[in-house]
Amino acid sequence: MSSQQVSFWAVHEFVAPILERTGTWPMVGTPEWCSLPVDHPARIAALFDAARHWALRIETAQQARAEAAKDVAQAGDWGAFAQRIRNGRGPAYIPRRHEGVA
């Protein structure tokens, strides 16, 4: 099994020199990009740029999920809650907290 963690910075460091050499490129998938020859440096650079943006999207989503998991873990005494369920001492219900509601 391998790690699914994505590093935007690692991708950026790999593609940055290629993009700097190319200079400019069209947005991947646009008609301008489609009209370029398959081996045109700007067409390839656009793919590298899209890969860089995709890595950024995945990394930020991973960070958001990790932060949400920490928030859930800190939201209550989960061990006590599990013990109550195992001992039959109450319903398996977690009341929601509403911000700003007294």
Protein backbone atom coordinates (compact mmCIF):
# COMPACT_ATOMS: atom_id res chain seq x y z
CA MET A 1 0.00 0.00 0.00
CA SER A 2 1.35 3.45 -0.84
CA SER A 3 0.65 6.90 0.52
CA GLN A 4 -2.07 8.96 -1.14
CA GLN A 5 -0.68 12.25 0.21
CA VAL A 6 -0.09 14.82 -2.54
CA SER A 7 2.59 17.53 -2.36
CA PHE A 8 1.88 20.59 -4.47
CA TRP A 9 5.38 21.93 -3.80
CA ALA A 10 7.07 18.78 -5.12
CA VAL A 11 5.06 19.04 -8.34
CA HIS A 12 5.73 22.78 -8.60
CA GLU A 13 9.48 22.29 -8.22
CA PHE A 14 9.43 19.66 -10.96
CA VAL A 15 7.42 21.66 -13.51
CA ALA A 16 8.64 25.21 -12.77
CA PRO A 17 11.86 24.98 -14.84
CA ILE A 18 9.94 23.56 -17.80
CA LEU A 19 7.33 26.30 -17.57
CA GLU A 20 9.99 29.01 -17.23
CA ARG A 21 11.71 27.78 -20.41
CA THR A 22 8.44 27.74 -22.30
CA GLY A 23 7.37 31.22 -21.20
CA THR A 24 3.69 31.25 -22.13
CA TRP A 25 1.08 28.64 -22.95
CA PRO A 26 -2.67 28.50 -23.47
CA MET A 27 -5.06 27.05 -20.93
CA VAL A 28 -5.17 23.28 -21.32
CA GLY A 29 -8.19 22.09 -23.30
CA THR A 30 -8.95 25.44 -24.96
CA PRO A 31 -9.31 25.68 -28.75
CA GLU A 32 -5.91 27.38 -28.90
CA TRP A 33 -4.34 24.48 -26.98
CA CYS A 34 -6.11 21.91 -29.18
CA SER A 35 -4.80 23.56 -32.34
CA LEU A 36 -1.15 23.24 -31.30
CA PRO A 37 0.87 20.30 -32.62
CA VAL A 38 1.01 17.38 -30.18
CA ASP A 39 4.71 17.90 -29.50
CA HIS A 40 4.60 21.72 -29.24
CA PRO A 41 6.34 22.93 -26.05
CA ALA A 42 3.43 25.23 -25.15
CA ARG A 43 0.96 22.34 -25.40
CA ILE A 44 3.10 20.21 -23.09
CA ALA A 45 3.69 23.16 -20.71
CA ALA A 46 -0.08 23.63 -20.42
CA LEU A 47 -0.37 20.01 -19.27
CA PHE A 48 2.36 20.54 -16.69
CA ASP A 49 0.64 23.71 -15.49
CA ALA A 50 -2.68 21.83 -15.20
CA ALA A 51 -0.92 19.08 -13.21
CA ARG A 52 0.46 21.71 -10.86
CA HIS A 53 -3.01 23.20 -10.30
CA TRP A 54 -4.50 19.73 -9.76
CA ALA A 55 -1.85 18.92 -7.14
CA LEU A 56 -2.68 22.18 -5.34
CA ARG A 57 -6.38 21.31 -5.36
CA ILE A 58 -5.77 17.80 -3.98
CA GLU A 59 -3.33 18.99 -1.31
CA THR A 60 -5.68 21.70 -0.03
CA ALA A 61 -8.59 19.24 0.04
CA GLN A 62 -6.45 16.79 2.04
CA GLN A 63 -5.56 19.54 4.51
CA ALA A 64 -9.22 20.51 4.89
CA ARG A 65 -10.22 16.89 5.57
CA ALA A 66 -7.46 16.54 8.17
CA GLU A 67 -8.58 19.73 9.93
CA ALA A 68 -12.21 18.58 9.88
CA ALA A 69 -11.22 15.21 11.35
CA LYS A 70 -9.36 16.98 14.19
CA ASP A 71 -12.42 19.16 14.85
CA VAL A 72 -14.65 16.08 15.05
CA ALA A 73 -12.19 14.30 17.34
CA GLN A 74 -12.11 17.30 19.68
CA ALA A 75 -15.87 17.91 19.61
CA GLY A 76 -16.69 15.58 22.46
CA ASP A 77 -15.61 12.81 24.78
CA TRP A 78 -15.92 10.00 22.24
CA GLY A 79 -14.63 7.37 24.66
CA ALA A 80 -17.36 8.20 27.17
CA PHE A 81 -19.94 8.23 24.40
CA ALA A 82 -18.85 4.78 23.20
CA GLN A 83 -18.89 3.47 26.77
CA ARG A 84 -22.49 4.70 27.24
CA ILE A 85 -23.55 2.89 24.09
CA ARG A 86 -21.77 -0.33 25.11
CA ASN A 87 -23.32 -0.20 28.59
CA GLY A 88 -26.78 0.65 27.30
CA ARG A 89 -26.88 3.85 29.36
CA GLY A 90 -28.49 6.13 26.88
CA PRO A 91 -29.52 6.69 23.34
CA ALA A 92 -26.94 6.89 20.61
CA TYR A 93 -27.73 10.53 20.02
CA ILE A 94 -25.33 13.45 19.87
CA PRO A 95 -27.11 16.80 20.21
CA ARG A 96 -25.91 19.43 17.76
CA ARG A 97 -24.45 22.64 19.03
CA HIS A 98 -25.81 25.73 17.33
CA GLU A 99 -23.54 28.73 17.31
CA GLY A 100 -25.15 31.85 18.76
CA VAL A 101 -28.15 29.99 20.21
CA ALA A 102 -28.57 30.25 23.97
